[in-house]
Structure formats: C-alpha cells, structure tokens
PDB file of N, CA and C in Angstrom:
ATOM      1  N   MET A   1      34.018 -46.092  57.495  1.00  0.00           N
ATOM      2  CA  MET A   1      32.774 -46.313  58.433  1.00  0.00           C
ATOM      3  C   MET A   1      31.703 -45.155  57.326  1.00  0.00           C
ATOM      4  N   PHE A   2      32.390 -44.002  57.163  1.00  0.00           N
ATOM      5  CA  PHE A   2      31.191 -43.159  56.667  1.00  0.00           C
ATOM      6  C   PHE A   2      30.677 -43.462  55.476  1.00  0.00           C
ATOM      7  N   ALA A   3      31.426 -44.406  54.704  1.00  0.00           N
ATOM      8  CA  ALA A   3      31.354 -44.870  53.249  1.00  0.00           C
ATOM      9  C   ALA A   3      30.172 -45.757  53.703  1.00  0.00           C
ATOM     10  N   LEU A   4      30.283 -46.681  54.763  1.00  0.00           N
ATOM     11  CA  LEU A   4      29.041 -47.698  54.615  1.00  0.00           C
ATOM     12  C   LEU A   4      28.098 -47.071  54.972  1.00  0.00           C
ATOM     13  N   ALA A   5      27.951 -46.067  55.973  1.00  0.00           N
ATOM     14  CA  ALA A   5      26.843 -45.144  56.168  1.00  0.00           C
ATOM     15  C   ALA A   5      26.494 -44.640  55.177  1.00  0.00           C
ATOM     16  N   ARG A   6      27.143 -44.100  54.549  1.00  0.00           N
ATOM     17  CA  ARG A   6      26.674 -43.042  53.058  1.00  0.00           C
ATOM     18  C   ARG A   6      26.143 -44.479  52.317  1.00  0.00           C
ATOM     19  N   LEU A   7      26.481 -45.770  52.065  1.00  0.00           N
ATOM     20  CA  LEU A   7      26.385 -46.732  50.924  1.00  0.00           C
ATOM     21  C   LEU A   7      24.655 -47.031  51.642  1.00  0.00           C
ATOM     22  N   ALA A   8      24.776 -47.112  53.014  1.00  0.00           N
ATOM     23  CA  ALA A   8      23.304 -47.894  53.541  1.00  0.00           C
ATOM     24  C   ALA A   8      22.155 -46.839  53.578  1.00  0.00           C
ATOM     25  N   PHE A   9      22.365 -45.297  53.415  1.00  0.00           N
ATOM     26  CA  PHE A   9      21.590 -44.506  53.493  1.00  0.00           C
ATOM     27  C   PHE A   9      20.962 -44.243  52.200  1.00  0.00           C
ATOM     28  N   PHE A  10      22.195 -44.285  50.829  1.00  0.00           N
ATOM     29  CA  PHE A  10      21.518 -44.039  49.298  1.00  0.00           C
ATOM     30  C   PHE A  10      21.010 -44.865  49.181  1.00  0.00           C
ATOM     31  N   GLY A  11      21.492 -46.276  49.492  1.00  0.00           N
ATOM     32  CA  GLY A  11      20.861 -47.651  49.019  1.00  0.00           C
ATOM     33  C   GLY A  11      19.706 -47.978  49.522  1.00  0.00           C
ATOM     34  N   PHE A  12      19.310 -47.328  51.003  1.00  0.00           N
ATOM     35  CA  PHE A  12      17.989 -47.378  51.182  1.00  0.00           C
ATOM     36  C   PHE A  12      16.875 -46.658  50.552  1.00  0.00           C
ATOM     37  N   LEU A  13      17.526 -45.364  50.181  1.00  0.00           N
ATOM     38  CA  LEU A  13      16.251 -43.986  49.536  1.00  0.00           C
ATOM     39  C   LEU A  13      16.166 -45.181  47.963  1.00  0.00           C
ATOM     40  N   VAL A  14      17.375 -45.613  47.208  1.00  0.00           N
ATOM     41  CA  VAL A  14      17.243 -46.154  45.804  1.00  0.00           C
ATOM     42  C   VAL A  14      16.292 -47.367  46.324  1.00  0.00           C
ATOM     43  N   LEU A  15      16.311 -48.138  47.437  1.00  0.00           N
ATOM     44  CA  LEU A  15      15.599 -49.500  47.413  1.00  0.00           C
ATOM     45  C   LEU A  15      13.906 -48.910  47.829  1.00  0.00           C
ATOM     46  N   SER A  16      13.697 -47.813  48.422  1.00  0.00           N
ATOM     47  CA  SER A  16      12.567 -47.007  48.792  1.00  0.00           C
ATOM     48  C   SER A  16      11.848 -46.939  47.640  1.00  0.00           C
ATOM     49  N   VAL A  17      12.676 -46.186  46.620  1.00  0.00           N
ATOM     50  CA  VAL A  17      12.051 -45.783  45.353  1.00  0.00           C
ATOM     51  C   VAL A  17      11.950 -46.470  44.766  1.00  0.00           C
ATOM     52  N   LEU A  18      12.270 -47.704  44.752  1.00  0.00           N
ATOM     53  CA  LEU A  18      12.417 -48.911  43.424  1.00  0.00           C
ATOM     54  C   LEU A  18      10.640 -49.713  44.717  1.00  0.00           C
ATOM     55  N   TYR A  19      10.753 -49.508  45.380  1.00  0.00           N
ATOM     56  CA  TYR A  19       9.504 -50.245  46.398  1.00  0.00           C
ATOM     57  C   TYR A  19       8.166 -49.635  45.987  1.00  0.00           C
ATOM     58  N   VAL A  20       7.993 -48.501  46.052  1.00  0.00           N
ATOM     59  CA  VAL A  20       6.957 -47.512  45.812  1.00  0.00           C
ATOM     60  C   VAL A  20       6.868 -48.110  44.327  1.00  0.00           C
ATOM     61  N   GLY A  21       7.462 -47.689  43.539  1.00  0.00           N
ATOM     62  CA  GLY A  21       6.982 -47.625  41.973  1.00  0.00           C
ATOM     63  C   GLY A  21       6.799 -49.197  41.671  1.00  0.00           C
ATOM     64  N   VAL A  22       7.348 -50.223  42.092  1.00  0.00           N
ATOM     65  CA  VAL A  22       6.763 -51.521  42.149  1.00  0.00           C
ATOM     66  C   VAL A  22       5.523 -51.257  42.887  1.00  0.00           C
ATOM     67  N   SER A  23       5.306 -51.391  43.907  1.00  0.00           N
ATOM     68  CA  SER A  23       3.780 -51.340  44.910  1.00  0.00           C
ATOM     69  C   SER A  23       2.586 -50.446  43.801  1.00  0.00           C
ATOM     70  N   ILE A  24       3.190 -49.693  43.557  1.00  0.00           N
ATOM     71  CA  ILE A  24       2.316 -48.796  42.546  1.00  0.00           C
ATOM     72  C   ILE A  24       1.839 -49.324  41.483  1.00  0.00           C
ATOM     73  N   TYR A  25       2.732 -50.224  40.711  1.00  0.00           N
ATOM     74  CA  TYR A  25       2.444 -50.735  39.645  1.00  0.00           C
ATOM     75  C   TYR A  25       1.683 -52.151  39.777  1.00  0.00           C
ATOM     76  N   SER A  26       2.261 -52.748  40.573  1.00  0.00           N
ATOM     77  CA  SER A  26       1.448 -54.280  41.184  1.00  0.00           C
ATOM     78  C   SER A  26       0.092 -54.017  41.062  1.00  0.00           C
ATOM     79  N   ARG A  27      -0.163 -52.525  41.836  1.00  0.00           N
ATOM     80  CA  ARG A  27      -1.662 -52.423  42.671  1.00  0.00           C
ATOM     81  C   ARG A  27      -2.466 -51.994  41.311  1.00  0.00           C
ATOM     82  N   LEU A  28      -1.593 -51.116  40.134  1.00  0.00           N
ATOM     83  CA  LEU A  28      -1.984 -50.686  38.895  1.00  0.00           C
ATOM     84  C   LEU A  28      -2.430 -52.174  38.095  1.00  0.00           C
ATOM     85  N   VAL A  29      -1.616 -52.770  38.052  1.00  0.00           N
ATOM     86  CA  VAL A  29      -2.097 -54.154  37.218  1.00  0.00           C
ATOM     87  C   VAL A  29      -3.621 -54.635  37.840  1.00  0.00           C
ATOM     88  N   ARG A  30      -3.308 -55.214  39.431  1.00  0.00           N
ATOM     89  CA  ARG A  30      -4.406 -55.873  40.175  1.00  0.00           C
ATOM     90  C   ARG A  30      -5.988 -55.335  39.783  1.00  0.00           C
ATOM     91  N   ARG A  31      -5.634 -53.547  39.673  1.00  0.00           N
ATOM     92  CA  ARG A  31      -6.882 -53.188  39.419  1.00  0.00           C
ATOM     93  C   ARG A  31      -7.535 -53.249  38.421  1.00  0.00           C
ATOM     94  N   ARG A  32      -6.683 -53.072  37.238  1.00  0.00           N
ATOM     95  CA  ARG A  32      -7.091 -53.386  35.437  1.00  0.00           C
ATOM     96  C   ARG A  32      -7.687 -55.437  35.723  1.00  0.00           C
ATOM     97  N   LYS A  33      -6.549 -55.919  36.201  1.00  0.00           N
ATOM     98  CA  LYS A  33      -7.395 -57.375  36.046  1.00  0.00           C
ATOM     99  C   LYS A  33      -8.898 -57.271  36.679  1.00  0.00           C
ATOM    100  N   LEU A  34      -8.695 -56.614  37.864  1.00  0.00           N
ATOM    101  CA  LEU A  34     -10.330 -56.744  38.436  1.00  0.00           C
ATOM    102  C   LEU A  34     -11.436 -56.320  37.740  1.00  0.00           C
ATOM    103  N   GLY A  35     -11.211 -54.991  37.167  1.00  0.00           N
ATOM    104  CA  GLY A  35     -11.692 -54.732  36.037  1.00  0.00           C
ATOM    105  C   GLY A  35     -12.210 -55.260  34.850  1.00  0.00           C
ATOM    106  N   LYS A  36     -11.352 -55.979  34.227  1.00  0.00           N
ATOM    107  CA  LYS A  36     -11.579 -56.920  33.107  1.00  0.00           C
ATOM    108  C   LYS A  36     -12.228 -57.820  33.713  1.00  0.00           C
ATOM    109  N   GLU A  37     -11.852 -58.688  34.550  1.00  0.00           N
ATOM    110  CA  GLU A  37     -12.982 -59.768  35.123  1.00  0.00           C
ATOM    111  C   GLU A  37     -14.087 -59.385  35.897  1.00  0.00           C
ATOM    112  N   TRP A  38     -14.538 -58.144  35.986  1.00  0.00           N
ATOM    113  CA  TRP A  38     -16.119 -57.748  36.290  1.00  0.00           C
ATOM    114  C   TRP A  38     -16.699 -57.061  34.788  1.00  0.00           C
ATOM    115  N   ASP A  39     -16.068 -57.035  33.601  1.00  0.00           N
ATOM    116  CA  ASP A  39     -16.494 -56.205  32.367  1.00  0.00           C
ATOM    117  C   ASP A  39     -16.876 -57.959  32.051  1.00  0.00           C
ATOM    118  N   THR A  40     -16.153 -59.017  31.586  1.00  0.00           N
ATOM    119  CA  THR A  40     -15.846 -59.960  30.921  1.00  0.00           C
ATOM    120  C   THR A  40     -17.278 -61.288  31.557  1.00  0.00           C
ATOM    121  N   GLU A  41     -17.133 -61.389  33.261  1.00  0.00           N
ATOM    122  CA  GLU A  41     -17.880 -62.231  33.861  1.00  0.00           C
ATOM    123  C   GLU A  41     -18.977 -62.232  34.445  1.00  0.00           C
ATOM    124  N   ILE A  42     -18.685 -60.953  35.265  1.00  0.00           N
ATOM    125  CA  ILE A  42     -19.858 -60.498  36.512  1.00  0.00           C
ATOM    126  C   ILE A  42     -20.932 -59.779  36.067  1.00  0.00           C
ATOM    127  N   ARG A  43     -20.644 -58.376  35.781  1.00  0.00           N
ATOM    128  CA  ARG A  43     -21.629 -57.942  35.191  1.00  0.00           C
ATOM    129  C   ARG A  43     -23.162 -57.323  36.159  1.00  0.00           C
ATOM    130  N   GLU A  44     -22.637 -57.896  37.073  1.00  0.00           N
ATOM    131  CA  GLU A  44     -23.737 -57.501  38.034  1.00  0.00           C
ATOM    132  C   GLU A  44     -23.097 -56.477  39.690  1.00  0.00           C
ATOM    133  N   GLY A  45     -24.123 -55.777  39.833  1.00  0.00           N
ATOM    134  CA  GLY A  45     -23.491 -54.942  41.174  1.00  0.00           C
ATOM    135  C   GLY A  45     -22.985 -53.705  40.794  1.00  0.00           C
ATOM    136  N   ASP A  46     -22.293 -53.325  41.949  1.00  0.00           N
ATOM    137  CA  ASP A  46     -21.365 -51.627  41.797  1.00  0.00           C
ATOM    138  C   ASP A  46     -20.206 -52.441  41.259  1.00  0.00           C
ATOM    139  N   ARG A  47     -19.639 -52.055  40.242  1.00  0.00           N
ATOM    140  CA  ARG A  47     -18.415 -52.770  39.545  1.00  0.00           C
ATOM    141  C   ARG A  47     -16.926 -51.910  40.483  1.00  0.00           C
ATOM    142  N   ASP A  48     -17.356 -50.353  41.193  1.00  0.00           N
ATOM    143  CA  ASP A  48     -16.359 -49.990  42.143  1.00  0.00           C
ATOM    144  C   ASP A  48     -16.220 -50.990  43.361  1.00  0.00           C
ATOM    145  N   ALA A  49     -17.281 -51.107  43.880  1.00  0.00           N
ATOM    146  CA  ALA A  49     -17.323 -52.052  44.990  1.00  0.00           C
ATOM    147  C   ALA A  49     -16.370 -53.136  44.994  1.00  0.00           C
ATOM    148  N   PHE A  50     -17.025 -53.857  43.874  1.00  0.00           N
ATOM    149  CA  PHE A  50     -16.090 -55.155  43.198  1.00  0.00           C
ATOM    150  C   PHE A  50     -14.612 -54.969  43.274  1.00  0.00           C
ATOM    151  N   ILE A  51     -14.229 -53.860  43.012  1.00  0.00           N
ATOM    152  CA  ILE A  51     -12.520 -53.381  42.251  1.00  0.00           C
ATOM    153  C   ILE A  51     -12.528 -53.574  43.884  1.00  0.00           C
ATOM    154  N   ARG A  52     -12.899 -52.748  44.486  1.00  0.00           N
ATOM    155  CA  ARG A  52     -12.664 -51.910  45.874  1.00  0.00           C
ATOM    156  C   ARG A  52     -12.351 -53.369  46.792  1.00  0.00           C
ATOM    157  N   ALA A  53     -13.294 -54.308  47.060  1.00  0.00           N
ATOM    158  CA  ALA A  53     -13.023 -55.221  48.030  1.00  0.00           C
ATOM    159  C   ALA A  53     -11.861 -56.157  47.023  1.00  0.00           C
ATOM    160  N   GLY A  54     -11.339 -56.479  46.035  1.00  0.00           N
ATOM    161  CA  GLY A  54     -10.629 -57.016  45.467  1.00  0.00           C
ATOM    162  C   GLY A  54      -9.679 -56.369  45.904  1.00  0.00           C
ATOM    163  N   LEU A  55      -9.256 -55.203  45.691  1.00  0.00           N
ATOM    164  CA  LEU A  55      -7.798 -54.620  46.215  1.00  0.00           C
ATOM    165  C   LEU A  55      -7.764 -54.849  47.856  1.00  0.00           C
ATOM    166  N   GLU A  56      -8.771 -54.994  48.525  1.00  0.00           N
ATOM    167  CA  GLU A  56      -8.760 -54.855  49.605  1.00  0.00           C
ATOM    168  C   GLU A  56      -8.038 -56.288  50.265  1.00  0.00           C
ATOM    169  N   ASP A  57      -8.380 -57.644  49.602  1.00  0.00           N
ATOM    170  CA  ASP A  57      -7.913 -58.758  49.240  1.00  0.00           C
ATOM    171  C   ASP A  57      -6.737 -59.176  49.032  1.00  0.00           C
ATOM    172  N   TYR A  58      -6.595 -57.873  47.884  1.00  0.00           N
ATOM    173  CA  TYR A  58      -5.089 -57.897  47.372  1.00  0.00           C
ATOM    174  C   TYR A  58      -3.650 -57.332  48.608  1.00  0.00           C
ATOM    175  N   ASP A  59      -4.606 -56.712  49.421  1.00  0.00           N
ATOM    176  CA  ASP A  59      -3.727 -55.678  50.182  1.00  0.00           C
ATOM    177  C   ASP A  59      -2.898 -56.854  51.419  1.00  0.00           C
ATOM    178  N   GLN A  60      -3.937 -58.051  51.430  1.00  0.00           N
ATOM    179  CA  GLN A  60      -3.389 -58.819  52.450  1.00  0.00           C
ATOM    180  C   GLN A  60      -2.701 -60.337  51.834  1.00  0.00           C
ATOM    181  N   SER A  61      -2.785 -60.501  50.558  1.00  0.00           N
ATOM    182  CA  SER A  61      -2.083 -61.121  49.904  1.00  0.00           C
ATOM    183  C   SER A  61      -0.838 -61.418  50.268  1.00  0.00           C
ATOM    184  N   PHE A  62      -0.278 -62.613  49.673  1.00  0.00           N
ATOM    185  CA  PHE A  62       0.863 -63.140  50.249  1.00  0.00           C
ATOM    186  C   PHE A  62       2.253 -62.612  49.022  1.00  0.00           C
ATOM    187  N   ARG A  63       1.501 -62.308  47.543  1.00  0.00           N
ATOM    188  CA  ARG A  63       1.800 -61.532  46.844  1.00  0.00           C
ATOM    189  C   ARG A  63       2.479 -60.524  47.114  1.00  0.00           C
ATOM    190  N   ARG A  64       1.671 -59.464  47.440  1.00  0.00           N
ATOM    191  CA  ARG A  64       1.913 -58.621  47.919  1.00  0.00           C
ATOM    192  C   ARG A  64       3.070 -58.267  48.851  1.00  0.00           C
ATOM    193  N   LYS A  65       3.184 -59.135  50.187  1.00  0.00           N
ATOM    194  CA  LYS A  65       4.461 -59.358  50.868  1.00  0.00           C
ATOM    195  C   LYS A  65       5.466 -59.332  50.243  1.00  0.00           C
ATOM    196  N   LEU A  66       5.576 -60.306  48.807  1.00  0.00           N
ATOM    197  CA  LEU A  66       6.687 -60.739  48.562  1.00  0.00           C
ATOM    198  C   LEU A  66       7.247 -59.642  47.774  1.00  0.00           C
ATOM    199  N   ILE A  67       6.758 -58.668  47.604  1.00  0.00           N
ATOM    200  CA  ILE A  67       7.333 -57.364  47.208  1.00  0.00           C
ATOM    201  C   ILE A  67       8.419 -56.404  48.129  1.00  0.00           C
ATOM    202  N   LEU A  68       8.558 -56.945  49.273  1.00  0.00           N
ATOM    203  CA  LEU A  68       9.445 -56.520  50.258  1.00  0.00           C
ATOM    204  C   LEU A  68      10.573 -57.319  50.403  1.00  0.00           C
ATOM    205  N   LEU A  69      10.475 -58.294  49.451  1.00  0.00           N
ATOM    206  CA  LEU A  69      12.008 -58.764  49.124  1.00  0.00           C
ATOM    207  C   LEU A  69      12.598 -57.604  48.518  1.00  0.00           C
ATOM    208  N   ILE A  70      12.449 -56.611  47.997  1.00  0.00           N
ATOM    209  CA  ILE A  70      13.273 -55.471  47.309  1.00  0.00           C
ATOM    210  C   ILE A  70      14.183 -55.161  47.957  1.00  0.00           C
ATOM    211  N   TYR A  71      13.902 -55.071  49.827  1.00  0.00           N
ATOM    212  CA  TYR A  71      14.865 -54.952  50.412  1.00  0.00           C
ATOM    213  C   TYR A  71      15.556 -55.725  50.916  1.00  0.00           C
ATOM    214  N   ILE A  72      15.167 -56.869  51.095  1.00  0.00           N
ATOM    215  CA  ILE A  72      16.137 -58.212  51.489  1.00  0.00           C
ATOM    216  C   ILE A  72      17.012 -58.575  50.720  1.00  0.00           C
ATOM    217  N   VAL A  73      16.538 -59.033  49.880  1.00  0.00           N
ATOM    218  CA  VAL A  73      17.769 -59.286  48.494  1.00  0.00           C
ATOM    219  C   VAL A  73      18.788 -58.744  48.425  1.00  0.00           C
ATOM    220  N   PRO A  74      18.809 -57.124  47.728  1.00  0.00           N
ATOM    221  CA  PRO A  74      20.197 -56.594  47.579  1.00  0.00           C
ATOM    222  C   PRO A  74      20.798 -56.863  49.110  1.00  0.00           C
ATOM    223  N   VAL A  75      20.302 -56.555  49.946  1.00  0.00           N
ATOM    224  CA  VAL A  75      21.084 -56.190  51.282  1.00  0.00           C
ATOM    225  C   VAL A  75      21.982 -57.721  51.693  1.00  0.00           C
ATOM    226  N   VAL A  76      21.213 -58.768  51.372  1.00  0.00           N
ATOM    227  CA  VAL A  76      21.717 -59.950  51.313  1.00  0.00           C
ATOM    228  C   VAL A  76      22.870 -60.481  50.419  1.00  0.00           C
ATOM    229  N   VAL A  77      22.643 -59.856  48.947  1.00  0.00           N
ATOM    230  CA  VAL A  77      23.791 -60.307  47.874  1.00  0.00           C
ATOM    231  C   VAL A  77      25.267 -59.077  48.198  1.00  0.00           C
ATOM    232  N   ILE A  78      24.491 -58.144  48.908  1.00  0.00           N
ATOM    233  CA  ILE A  78      25.792 -57.478  49.220  1.00  0.00           C
ATOM    234  C   ILE A  78      26.903 -58.059  50.497  1.00  0.00           C
ATOM    235  N   GLY A  79      25.870 -58.274  51.154  1.00  0.00           N
ATOM    236  CA  GLY A  79      26.549 -58.905  52.624  1.00  0.00           C
ATOM    237  C   GLY A  79      26.959 -60.364  52.147  1.00  0.00           C
ATOM    238  N   LEU A  80      26.930 -60.980  51.510  1.00  0.00           N
ATOM    239  CA  LEU A  80      27.223 -62.082  51.075  1.00  0.00           C
ATOM    240  C   LEU A  80      28.390 -61.904  50.210  1.00  0.00           C
ATOM    241  N   THR A  81      28.911 -60.873  49.228  1.00  0.00           N
ATOM    242  CA  THR A  81      29.601 -60.682  48.137  1.00  0.00           C
ATOM    243  C   THR A  81      30.537 -60.008  49.544  1.00  0.00           C
ATOM    244  N   VAL A  82      30.920 -59.375  50.072  1.00  0.00           N
ATOM    245  CA  VAL A  82      31.747 -58.348  51.168  1.00  0.00           C
ATOM    246  C   VAL A  82      32.368 -59.978  51.851  1.00  0.00           C
ATOM    247  N   TYR A  83      31.480 -60.846  52.498  1.00  0.00           N
ATOM    248  CA  TYR A  83      31.891 -61.822  53.154  1.00  0.00           C
ATOM    249  C   TYR A  83      32.972 -62.856  51.954  1.00  0.00           C
ATOM    250  N   LEU A  84      32.554 -62.859  51.108  1.00  0.00           N
ATOM    251  CA  LEU A  84      33.079 -63.876  50.165  1.00  0.00           C
ATOM    252  C   LEU A  84      34.361 -63.278  49.594  1.00  0.00           C
ATOM    253  N   VAL A  85      34.589 -62.018  49.765  1.00  0.00           N
ATOM    254  CA  VAL A  85      35.684 -61.071  48.835  1.00  0.00           C
ATOM    255  C   VAL A  85      36.641 -61.221  50.331  1.00  0.00           C
ATOM    256  N   ASN A  86      36.230 -61.248  51.240  1.00  0.00           N
ATOM    257  CA  ASN A  86      37.060 -60.749  52.787  1.00  0.00           C
ATOM    258  C   ASN A  86      37.238 -62.203  52.988  1.00  0.00           C
ATOM    259  N   PHE A  87      36.593 -63.229  53.107  1.00  0.00           N
ATOM    260  CA  PHE A  87      37.055 -64.534  53.679  1.00  0.00           C
ATOM    261  C   PHE A  87      37.471 -65.545  53.096  1.00  0.00           C
ATOM    262  N   TYR A  88      37.548 -65.319  51.919  1.00  0.00           N
ATOM    263  CA  TYR A  88      37.632 -66.688  50.937  1.00  0.00           C
ATOM    264  C   TYR A  88      38.683 -65.968  50.025  1.00  0.00           C
TER     265      TYR A  88
END
C-alpha cells in the first residue's frame, strides 16, 4: 500500500512538472505565432494588445484544455496495465 502511495505522489509530481513545462512551451509558441501574424498581416494598432487578446482567446481554447491529457493518459495506461496483468 505504501508503494502505491509513493508511486501516486511521485507520479503526480512528475506529471505536474511535465504539465507546467508543456503549458509554458505551448503558450510561448502561440505568442510567437501571434507576433508573426501581426508583423506580416495586420501592422495596425497596438501589437501588445493584439497579442494579449490572442492569448486570452488561447486560454479559453480547446487546445489549451487538451494539455490536461498529460494527467489522464498515464493514469489510464497504468491502470489498464495493472488490470490486464492481474486479471488476464
């Protein structure tokens, strides 16, 4: 039982670090794309306001929520593996 708690704790810790890293990387990529879009197509108004509005839209997007699969997929795979090993 203690081994399961230790696995859950360290697994959550590793997945949290991975989630934060992927989340920051994804936001930086989106910021870069918005900057390039403004530089090539728009060039009117405030560039920072355009990027800020684009990042606010990105925060509400489905793509942003897909990053939460970093927590779900490993837990399902480990659970499925444990089930298949023990009951088949």
